[in-house]
Amino acid sequence: MLENYYRELVCFLNAKLGNRQVAEDVVHDAYVRVLERSSDTPIEQPRAFLYRTALNLVIDGHRRNALRQVEPLDVLDAEERFASCSPHADHDHGQRLELLERALAELPPACRNSFLLRKLDGLTHLQIAERLCISRALVEKHIVNAMKHCRVRMREWEAH
C-alpha cells in the first residue's frame, strides 16, 4: 500500500529540495520510520502520514544543518579530535560496522547490491537498475527492504 506513494513523494521532495538524491534518501528514511513504528494502531491516512513523516525528516535535517553552521570551526575540530581519540568509541564503531556487515550478508544479492550501490557508490536508482538489469521500482523496493532489515537486525543484536 505505501509503496504506491514512493515516486510521488520523491517528486514532491525533489521539487522542494532541488536534489533528487537527497529526496530519495529522505523518502527511504520516511519509509523505514513508518514501517518500524511501534504502534499497533492502523494508519488511517497512509499517504498523509508518509508525507508528514518525510517533511518532519526534512525539517529535522535543516535544523541539524543550521546548528552545524553556527558552530565555529575550531569547536568542530576539537570535537572531531576527541571523538577519534576514544578507544572505546572506536571499538563500539567497529562492532556496529561488523553487525551491519552481518545484516547485509543475510540479504539476497540483488537487495544487498542495490543498497550498497546507492549508499556507498552514490548511484541513482536508474543507474542501479541499468547496472543490475532490473526495474527502477524493484531497486527502490530493494533499498527500502535492506534499510529496514539492517535496522531491525542491528536493534535485535544490540539488545542482546
N, C-alpha and C. Protein backbone atom coordinates (compact mmCIF):
# COMPACT_ATOMS: atom_id res chain seq x y z
N MET A 1 0.83 -1.19 0.00
CA MET A 1 0.00 0.00 0.00
C MET A 1 0.87 1.25 0.00
N LEU A 2 1.84 1.34 0.91
CA LEU A 2 2.69 2.52 0.99
C LEU A 2 3.59 2.68 -0.23
N GLU A 3 3.97 1.55 -0.86
CA GLU A 3 4.87 1.60 -2.00
C GLU A 3 4.28 2.43 -3.14
N ASN A 4 2.95 2.53 -3.17
CA ASN A 4 2.28 3.28 -4.24
C ASN A 4 2.65 4.76 -4.24
N TYR A 5 3.11 5.27 -3.10
CA TYR A 5 3.37 6.70 -2.97
C TYR A 5 4.84 7.05 -3.14
N TYR A 6 5.69 6.06 -3.35
CA TYR A 6 7.14 6.30 -3.36
C TYR A 6 7.55 7.36 -4.39
N ARG A 7 7.25 7.11 -5.64
CA ARG A 7 7.68 8.05 -6.71
C ARG A 7 7.04 9.42 -6.55
N GLU A 8 5.77 9.41 -6.18
CA GLU A 8 5.06 10.68 -5.97
C GLU A 8 5.76 11.51 -4.89
N LEU A 9 6.13 10.86 -3.79
CA LEU A 9 6.78 11.57 -2.69
C LEU A 9 8.19 12.03 -3.07
N VAL A 10 8.92 11.20 -3.83
CA VAL A 10 10.25 11.61 -4.29
C VAL A 10 10.13 12.85 -5.18
N CYS A 11 9.17 12.86 -6.09
CA CYS A 11 8.98 14.02 -6.97
C CYS A 11 8.62 15.27 -6.16
N PHE A 12 7.75 15.10 -5.18
CA PHE A 12 7.34 16.21 -4.33
C PHE A 12 8.55 16.79 -3.59
N LEU A 13 9.34 15.92 -2.95
CA LEU A 13 10.50 16.40 -2.19
C LEU A 13 11.60 16.93 -3.11
N ASN A 14 11.75 16.33 -4.28
CA ASN A 14 12.73 16.83 -5.23
C ASN A 14 12.39 18.27 -5.63
N ALA A 15 11.12 18.54 -5.84
CA ALA A 15 10.70 19.90 -6.19
C ALA A 15 10.99 20.88 -5.04
N LYS A 16 10.80 20.41 -3.80
CA LYS A 16 11.05 21.26 -2.63
C LYS A 16 12.54 21.46 -2.37
N LEU A 17 13.32 20.36 -2.49
CA LEU A 17 14.72 20.38 -2.09
C LEU A 17 15.67 20.69 -3.25
N GLY A 18 15.23 20.41 -4.47
CA GLY A 18 16.09 20.65 -5.63
C GLY A 18 17.23 19.65 -5.76
N ASN A 19 17.09 18.48 -5.12
CA ASN A 19 18.13 17.46 -5.20
C ASN A 19 17.46 16.09 -5.12
N ARG A 20 17.49 15.38 -6.22
CA ARG A 20 16.78 14.09 -6.28
C ARG A 20 17.38 13.06 -5.33
N GLN A 21 18.70 13.00 -5.22
CA GLN A 21 19.32 12.01 -4.33
C GLN A 21 18.94 12.26 -2.88
N VAL A 22 18.95 13.52 -2.46
CA VAL A 22 18.55 13.85 -1.09
C VAL A 22 17.08 13.49 -0.90
N ALA A 23 16.25 13.80 -1.89
CA ALA A 23 14.83 13.46 -1.80
C ALA A 23 14.64 11.95 -1.66
N GLU A 24 15.37 11.16 -2.44
CA GLU A 24 15.27 9.70 -2.34
C GLU A 24 15.72 9.20 -0.97
N ASP A 25 16.79 9.78 -0.44
CA ASP A 25 17.27 9.38 0.89
C ASP A 25 16.23 9.69 1.96
N VAL A 26 15.62 10.86 1.88
CA VAL A 26 14.59 11.23 2.86
C VAL A 26 13.40 10.28 2.76
N VAL A 27 12.99 9.97 1.55
CA VAL A 27 11.85 9.05 1.37
C VAL A 27 12.19 7.66 1.91
N HIS A 28 13.42 7.19 1.68
CA HIS A 28 13.83 5.89 2.25
C HIS A 28 13.69 5.93 3.76
N ASP A 29 14.24 6.98 4.37
CA ASP A 29 14.19 7.09 5.83
C ASP A 29 12.74 7.18 6.33
N ALA A 30 11.90 7.89 5.58
CA ALA A 30 10.49 8.01 5.97
C ALA A 30 9.81 6.64 5.92
N TYR A 31 10.08 5.88 4.86
CA TYR A 31 9.50 4.53 4.76
C TYR A 31 9.94 3.66 5.93
N VAL A 32 11.23 3.72 6.24
CA VAL A 32 11.74 2.90 7.35
C VAL A 32 11.06 3.31 8.66
N ARG A 33 10.95 4.61 8.89
CA ARG A 33 10.28 5.08 10.11
C ARG A 33 8.85 4.58 10.20
N VAL A 34 8.13 4.68 9.10
CA VAL A 34 6.73 4.24 9.09
C VAL A 34 6.65 2.72 9.29
N LEU A 35 7.52 1.98 8.62
CA LEU A 35 7.50 0.53 8.74
C LEU A 35 7.91 0.04 10.13
N GLU A 36 8.76 0.83 10.80
CA GLU A 36 9.25 0.42 12.12
C GLU A 36 8.43 0.97 13.28
N ARG A 37 7.42 1.73 12.98
CA ARG A 37 6.67 2.35 14.09
C ARG A 37 6.11 1.29 15.01
N SER A 38 6.15 1.60 16.30
CA SER A 38 5.82 0.60 17.31
C SER A 38 4.33 0.53 17.63
N SER A 39 3.56 1.46 17.16
CA SER A 39 2.13 1.48 17.47
C SER A 39 1.39 0.40 16.68
N ASP A 40 0.44 -0.24 17.34
CA ASP A 40 -0.41 -1.24 16.67
C ASP A 40 -1.63 -0.60 16.02
N THR A 41 -1.84 0.67 16.27
CA THR A 41 -2.98 1.38 15.70
C THR A 41 -2.78 1.52 14.19
N PRO A 42 -3.75 1.11 13.40
CA PRO A 42 -3.60 1.24 11.95
C PRO A 42 -3.54 2.71 11.53
N ILE A 43 -2.82 2.97 10.48
CA ILE A 43 -2.71 4.33 9.94
C ILE A 43 -3.94 4.59 9.09
N GLU A 44 -4.73 5.59 9.48
CA GLU A 44 -5.98 5.86 8.76
C GLU A 44 -5.74 6.49 7.39
N GLN A 45 -4.75 7.38 7.31
CA GLN A 45 -4.44 8.04 6.04
C GLN A 45 -2.96 7.84 5.73
N PRO A 46 -2.61 6.69 5.14
CA PRO A 46 -1.20 6.36 4.94
C PRO A 46 -0.43 7.39 4.11
N ARG A 47 -1.07 7.92 3.08
CA ARG A 47 -0.38 8.90 2.24
C ARG A 47 -0.03 10.14 3.04
N ALA A 48 -0.97 10.67 3.78
CA ALA A 48 -0.73 11.87 4.59
C ALA A 48 0.31 11.59 5.68
N PHE A 49 0.23 10.42 6.29
CA PHE A 49 1.18 10.04 7.34
C PHE A 49 2.59 9.97 6.78
N LEU A 50 2.74 9.37 5.61
CA LEU A 50 4.05 9.24 4.97
C LEU A 50 4.61 10.62 4.59
N TYR A 51 3.78 11.47 4.04
CA TYR A 51 4.21 12.82 3.68
C TYR A 51 4.64 13.59 4.93
N ARG A 52 3.87 13.50 5.99
CA ARG A 52 4.20 14.22 7.22
C ARG A 52 5.52 13.71 7.79
N THR A 53 5.72 12.40 7.77
CA THR A 53 6.97 11.81 8.26
C THR A 53 8.15 12.34 7.44
N ALA A 54 8.01 12.34 6.13
CA ALA A 54 9.09 12.81 5.25
C ALA A 54 9.37 14.30 5.50
N LEU A 55 8.33 15.10 5.61
CA LEU A 55 8.54 16.54 5.85
C LEU A 55 9.19 16.78 7.21
N ASN A 56 8.82 15.99 8.21
CA ASN A 56 9.47 16.12 9.52
C ASN A 56 10.96 15.79 9.42
N LEU A 57 11.31 14.79 8.63
CA LEU A 57 12.72 14.44 8.45
C LEU A 57 13.47 15.58 7.75
N VAL A 58 12.84 16.22 6.78
CA VAL A 58 13.46 17.36 6.10
C VAL A 58 13.68 18.50 7.10
N ILE A 59 12.67 18.78 7.92
CA ILE A 59 12.79 19.85 8.92
C ILE A 59 13.90 19.52 9.92
N ASP A 60 13.94 18.28 10.39
CA ASP A 60 15.00 17.87 11.32
C ASP A 60 16.38 18.04 10.69
N GLY A 61 16.49 17.67 9.42
CA GLY A 61 17.76 17.82 8.71
C GLY A 61 18.19 19.26 8.60
N HIS A 62 17.23 20.16 8.31
CA HIS A 62 17.55 21.59 8.23
C HIS A 62 17.98 22.13 9.58
N ARG A 63 17.32 21.68 10.64
CA ARG A 63 17.70 22.13 11.99
C ARG A 63 19.12 21.69 12.33
N ARG A 64 19.44 20.44 12.04
CA ARG A 64 20.80 19.93 12.31
C ARG A 64 21.84 20.72 11.51
N ASN A 65 21.54 20.98 10.24
CA ASN A 65 22.48 21.74 9.41
C ASN A 65 22.64 23.17 9.90
N ALA A 66 21.53 23.77 10.34
CA ALA A 66 21.60 25.14 10.85
C ALA A 66 22.47 25.21 12.11
N LEU A 67 22.33 24.22 12.99
CA LEU A 67 23.15 24.18 14.20
C LEU A 67 24.61 23.99 13.86
N ARG A 68 24.90 23.15 12.89
CA ARG A 68 26.29 22.90 12.48
C ARG A 68 26.93 24.16 11.92
N GLN A 69 26.16 24.92 11.14
CA GLN A 69 26.71 26.11 10.50
C GLN A 69 27.01 27.21 11.51
N VAL A 70 26.31 27.23 12.64
CA VAL A 70 26.50 28.27 13.64
C VAL A 70 27.76 28.03 14.47
N GLU A 71 28.15 26.76 14.66
CA GLU A 71 29.29 26.44 15.50
C GLU A 71 30.59 26.85 14.80
N PRO A 72 31.52 27.46 15.56
CA PRO A 72 32.80 27.82 14.96
C PRO A 72 33.59 26.57 14.57
N LEU A 73 34.45 26.70 13.56
CA LEU A 73 35.19 25.56 13.05
C LEU A 73 36.12 24.96 14.09
N ASP A 74 36.71 25.80 14.96
CA ASP A 74 37.64 25.23 15.94
C ASP A 74 36.92 24.34 16.93
N VAL A 75 35.64 24.62 17.23
CA VAL A 75 34.85 23.76 18.11
C VAL A 75 34.61 22.41 17.43
N LEU A 76 34.27 22.45 16.14
CA LEU A 76 34.04 21.21 15.40
C LEU A 76 35.33 20.40 15.29
N ASP A 77 36.46 21.08 15.07
CA ASP A 77 37.74 20.37 15.01
C ASP A 77 38.06 19.70 16.33
N ALA A 78 37.81 20.40 17.44
CA ALA A 78 38.08 19.84 18.76
C ALA A 78 37.20 18.62 19.01
N GLU A 79 35.92 18.72 18.63
CA GLU A 79 35.01 17.58 18.80
C GLU A 79 35.49 16.40 17.99
N GLU A 80 35.97 16.64 16.79
CA GLU A 80 36.45 15.56 15.93
C GLU A 80 37.67 14.90 16.56
N ARG A 81 38.59 15.70 17.10
CA ARG A 81 39.78 15.13 17.74
C ARG A 81 39.39 14.25 18.92
N PHE A 82 38.46 14.75 19.76
CA PHE A 82 38.06 13.98 20.94
C PHE A 82 37.31 12.71 20.52
N ALA A 83 36.49 12.83 19.50
CA ALA A 83 35.70 11.67 19.06
C ALA A 83 36.62 10.58 18.52
N SER A 84 37.66 10.95 17.82
CA SER A 84 38.51 9.94 17.20
C SER A 84 39.56 9.40 18.17
N CYS A 85 39.75 10.03 19.33
CA CYS A 85 40.78 9.59 20.26
C CYS A 85 40.29 8.53 21.23
N SER A 86 39.02 8.34 21.34
CA SER A 86 38.49 7.42 22.33
C SER A 86 38.56 5.98 21.83
N PRO A 87 39.37 5.14 22.49
CA PRO A 87 39.44 3.73 22.07
C PRO A 87 38.09 3.03 22.21
N HIS A 88 37.34 3.42 23.23
CA HIS A 88 36.01 2.82 23.43
C HIS A 88 35.09 3.14 22.26
N ALA A 89 35.12 4.42 21.82
CA ALA A 89 34.28 4.84 20.70
C ALA A 89 34.69 4.11 19.42
N ASP A 90 36.00 3.96 19.21
CA ASP A 90 36.48 3.25 18.02
C ASP A 90 36.04 1.79 18.05
N HIS A 91 36.14 1.16 19.23
CA HIS A 91 35.73 -0.24 19.38
C HIS A 91 34.23 -0.39 19.13
N ASP A 92 33.45 0.52 19.71
CA ASP A 92 31.99 0.50 19.54
C ASP A 92 31.63 0.68 18.07
N HIS A 93 32.31 1.60 17.41
CA HIS A 93 32.06 1.85 15.98
C HIS A 93 32.40 0.59 15.17
N GLY A 94 33.50 -0.04 15.52
CA GLY A 94 33.91 -1.27 14.83
C GLY A 94 32.90 -2.39 15.00
N GLN A 95 32.36 -2.51 16.22
CA GLN A 95 31.35 -3.55 16.47
C GLN A 95 30.08 -3.28 15.67
N ARG A 96 29.65 -2.03 15.62
CA ARG A 96 28.45 -1.68 14.86
C ARG A 96 28.67 -1.97 13.37
N LEU A 97 29.86 -1.69 12.89
CA LEU A 97 30.18 -1.96 11.49
C LEU A 97 30.12 -3.47 11.20
N GLU A 98 30.63 -4.28 12.13
CA GLU A 98 30.56 -5.73 11.98
C GLU A 98 29.10 -6.22 11.96
N LEU A 99 28.27 -5.65 12.84
CA LEU A 99 26.85 -6.03 12.85
C LEU A 99 26.18 -5.66 11.54
N LEU A 100 26.50 -4.48 11.03
CA LEU A 100 25.93 -4.05 9.75
C LEU A 100 26.35 -4.99 8.63
N GLU A 101 27.61 -5.38 8.62
CA GLU A 101 28.09 -6.32 7.59
C GLU A 101 27.36 -7.66 7.71
N ARG A 102 27.14 -8.12 8.93
CA ARG A 102 26.40 -9.38 9.13
C ARG A 102 24.97 -9.26 8.60
N ALA A 103 24.33 -8.13 8.91
CA ALA A 103 22.94 -7.92 8.45
C ALA A 103 22.90 -7.87 6.92
N LEU A 104 23.85 -7.18 6.32
CA LEU A 104 23.88 -7.10 4.85
C LEU A 104 24.13 -8.47 4.23
N ALA A 105 24.93 -9.29 4.88
CA ALA A 105 25.23 -10.63 4.36
C ALA A 105 23.99 -11.51 4.34
N GLU A 106 23.00 -11.22 5.17
CA GLU A 106 21.77 -12.01 5.21
C GLU A 106 20.81 -11.69 4.06
N LEU A 107 21.05 -10.58 3.39
CA LEU A 107 20.15 -10.15 2.32
C LEU A 107 20.40 -10.91 1.03
N PRO A 108 19.36 -11.05 0.19
CA PRO A 108 19.57 -11.61 -1.15
C PRO A 108 20.53 -10.70 -1.92
N PRO A 109 21.33 -11.27 -2.83
CA PRO A 109 22.34 -10.47 -3.54
C PRO A 109 21.81 -9.20 -4.22
N ALA A 110 20.69 -9.28 -4.92
CA ALA A 110 20.18 -8.09 -5.63
C ALA A 110 19.79 -7.00 -4.64
N CYS A 111 19.23 -7.39 -3.52
CA CYS A 111 18.84 -6.43 -2.48
C CYS A 111 20.08 -5.77 -1.89
N ARG A 112 21.06 -6.58 -1.51
CA ARG A 112 22.31 -6.07 -0.93
C ARG A 112 23.04 -5.17 -1.92
N ASN A 113 23.14 -5.62 -3.18
CA ASN A 113 23.85 -4.84 -4.19
C ASN A 113 23.16 -3.51 -4.46
N SER A 114 21.84 -3.50 -4.51
CA SER A 114 21.11 -2.25 -4.71
C SER A 114 21.42 -1.27 -3.60
N PHE A 115 21.38 -1.75 -2.38
CA PHE A 115 21.66 -0.91 -1.20
C PHE A 115 23.09 -0.36 -1.24
N LEU A 116 24.05 -1.24 -1.50
CA LEU A 116 25.45 -0.81 -1.49
C LEU A 116 25.77 0.16 -2.64
N LEU A 117 25.20 -0.09 -3.81
CA LEU A 117 25.43 0.82 -4.94
C LEU A 117 24.86 2.20 -4.66
N ARG A 118 23.76 2.24 -3.93
CA ARG A 118 23.14 3.53 -3.59
C ARG A 118 23.91 4.25 -2.49
N LYS A 119 24.14 3.52 -1.38
CA LYS A 119 24.71 4.16 -0.19
C LYS A 119 26.22 4.34 -0.26
N LEU A 120 26.94 3.42 -0.87
CA LEU A 120 28.39 3.54 -0.92
C LEU A 120 28.88 4.21 -2.19
N ASP A 121 28.29 3.84 -3.33
CA ASP A 121 28.74 4.38 -4.61
C ASP A 121 27.97 5.62 -5.04
N GLY A 122 26.83 5.89 -4.38
CA GLY A 122 26.06 7.09 -4.68
C GLY A 122 25.34 7.06 -6.02
N LEU A 123 25.12 5.86 -6.58
CA LEU A 123 24.42 5.76 -7.86
C LEU A 123 22.94 6.09 -7.68
N THR A 124 22.34 6.60 -8.73
CA THR A 124 20.90 6.87 -8.71
C THR A 124 20.16 5.54 -8.89
N HIS A 125 18.88 5.57 -8.64
CA HIS A 125 18.07 4.36 -8.80
C HIS A 125 18.10 3.90 -10.25
N LEU A 126 18.06 4.83 -11.17
CA LEU A 126 18.09 4.48 -12.59
C LEU A 126 19.42 3.82 -12.96
N GLN A 127 20.53 4.37 -12.46
CA GLN A 127 21.84 3.78 -12.74
C GLN A 127 21.95 2.37 -12.16
N ILE A 128 21.41 2.18 -10.97
CA ILE A 128 21.44 0.86 -10.34
C ILE A 128 20.59 -0.12 -11.14
N ALA A 129 19.40 0.33 -11.56
CA ALA A 129 18.52 -0.52 -12.35
C ALA A 129 19.21 -0.97 -13.63
N GLU A 130 19.89 -0.05 -14.30
CA GLU A 130 20.59 -0.38 -15.54
C GLU A 130 21.74 -1.35 -15.27
N ARG A 131 22.48 -1.10 -14.20
CA ARG A 131 23.63 -1.95 -13.89
C ARG A 131 23.21 -3.38 -13.52
N LEU A 132 22.12 -3.50 -12.75
CA LEU A 132 21.67 -4.81 -12.28
C LEU A 132 20.64 -5.45 -13.20
N CYS A 133 20.25 -4.73 -14.27
CA CYS A 133 19.26 -5.22 -15.23
C CYS A 133 17.93 -5.57 -14.54
N ILE A 134 17.48 -4.68 -13.68
CA ILE A 134 16.18 -4.83 -13.02
C ILE A 134 15.44 -3.50 -13.15
N SER A 135 14.16 -3.49 -12.79
CA SER A 135 13.38 -2.26 -12.91
C SER A 135 13.75 -1.28 -11.81
N ARG A 136 13.50 -0.03 -12.08
CA ARG A 136 13.76 1.02 -11.08
C ARG A 136 12.88 0.81 -9.84
N ALA A 137 11.64 0.39 -10.06
CA ALA A 137 10.74 0.15 -8.93
C ALA A 137 11.29 -0.96 -8.03
N LEU A 138 11.88 -1.98 -8.64
CA LEU A 138 12.46 -3.07 -7.85
C LEU A 138 13.68 -2.58 -7.07
N VAL A 139 14.48 -1.72 -7.69
CA VAL A 139 15.62 -1.12 -6.98
C VAL A 139 15.12 -0.39 -5.73
N GLU A 140 14.07 0.41 -5.91
CA GLU A 140 13.51 1.17 -4.78
C GLU A 140 13.06 0.24 -3.66
N LYS A 141 12.38 -0.84 -4.02
CA LYS A 141 11.91 -1.80 -3.01
C LYS A 141 13.08 -2.49 -2.32
N HIS A 142 14.10 -2.86 -3.10
CA HIS A 142 15.28 -3.49 -2.51
C HIS A 142 15.93 -2.59 -1.48
N ILE A 143 16.09 -1.32 -1.80
CA ILE A 143 16.78 -0.40 -0.89
C ILE A 143 15.97 -0.20 0.39
N VAL A 144 14.67 -0.01 0.26
CA VAL A 144 13.82 0.14 1.45
C VAL A 144 13.88 -1.14 2.30
N ASN A 145 13.79 -2.29 1.66
CA ASN A 145 13.84 -3.56 2.40
C ASN A 145 15.19 -3.75 3.08
N ALA A 146 16.27 -3.39 2.42
CA ALA A 146 17.60 -3.53 3.01
C ALA A 146 17.75 -2.63 4.23
N MET A 147 17.28 -1.41 4.12
CA MET A 147 17.38 -0.48 5.25
C MET A 147 16.57 -1.00 6.44
N LYS A 148 15.38 -1.47 6.16
CA LYS A 148 14.54 -1.99 7.24
C LYS A 148 15.19 -3.21 7.89
N HIS A 149 15.67 -4.12 7.07
CA HIS A 149 16.29 -5.35 7.59
C HIS A 149 17.50 -5.01 8.47
N CYS A 150 18.36 -4.13 7.98
CA CYS A 150 19.58 -3.79 8.74
C CYS A 150 19.23 -3.13 10.07
N ARG A 151 18.28 -2.22 10.07
CA ARG A 151 17.91 -1.56 11.32
C ARG A 151 17.30 -2.55 12.31
N VAL A 152 16.43 -3.41 11.83
CA VAL A 152 15.79 -4.39 12.72
C VAL A 152 16.83 -5.34 13.30
N ARG A 153 17.70 -5.89 12.45
CA ARG A 153 18.71 -6.85 12.92
C ARG A 153 19.69 -6.20 13.89
N MET A 154 20.12 -4.99 13.61
CA MET A 154 21.07 -4.32 14.49
C MET A 154 20.44 -4.05 15.86
N ARG A 155 19.20 -3.68 15.85
CA ARG A 155 18.49 -3.47 17.14
C ARG A 155 18.39 -4.77 17.91
N GLU A 156 18.08 -5.85 17.21
CA GLU A 156 17.98 -7.17 17.87
C GLU A 156 19.33 -7.55 18.48
N TRP A 157 20.40 -7.42 17.71
CA TRP A 157 21.72 -7.82 18.19
C TRP A 157 22.21 -6.92 19.32
N GLU A 158 21.94 -5.63 19.22
CA GLU A 158 22.40 -4.71 20.27
C GLU A 158 21.63 -4.91 21.57
N ALA A 159 20.41 -5.43 21.47
CA ALA A 159 19.61 -5.67 22.67
C ALA A 159 20.15 -6.86 23.46
N HIS A 160 20.88 -7.75 22.81
CA HIS A 160 21.41 -8.95 23.48
C HIS A 160 22.80 -8.73 23.95
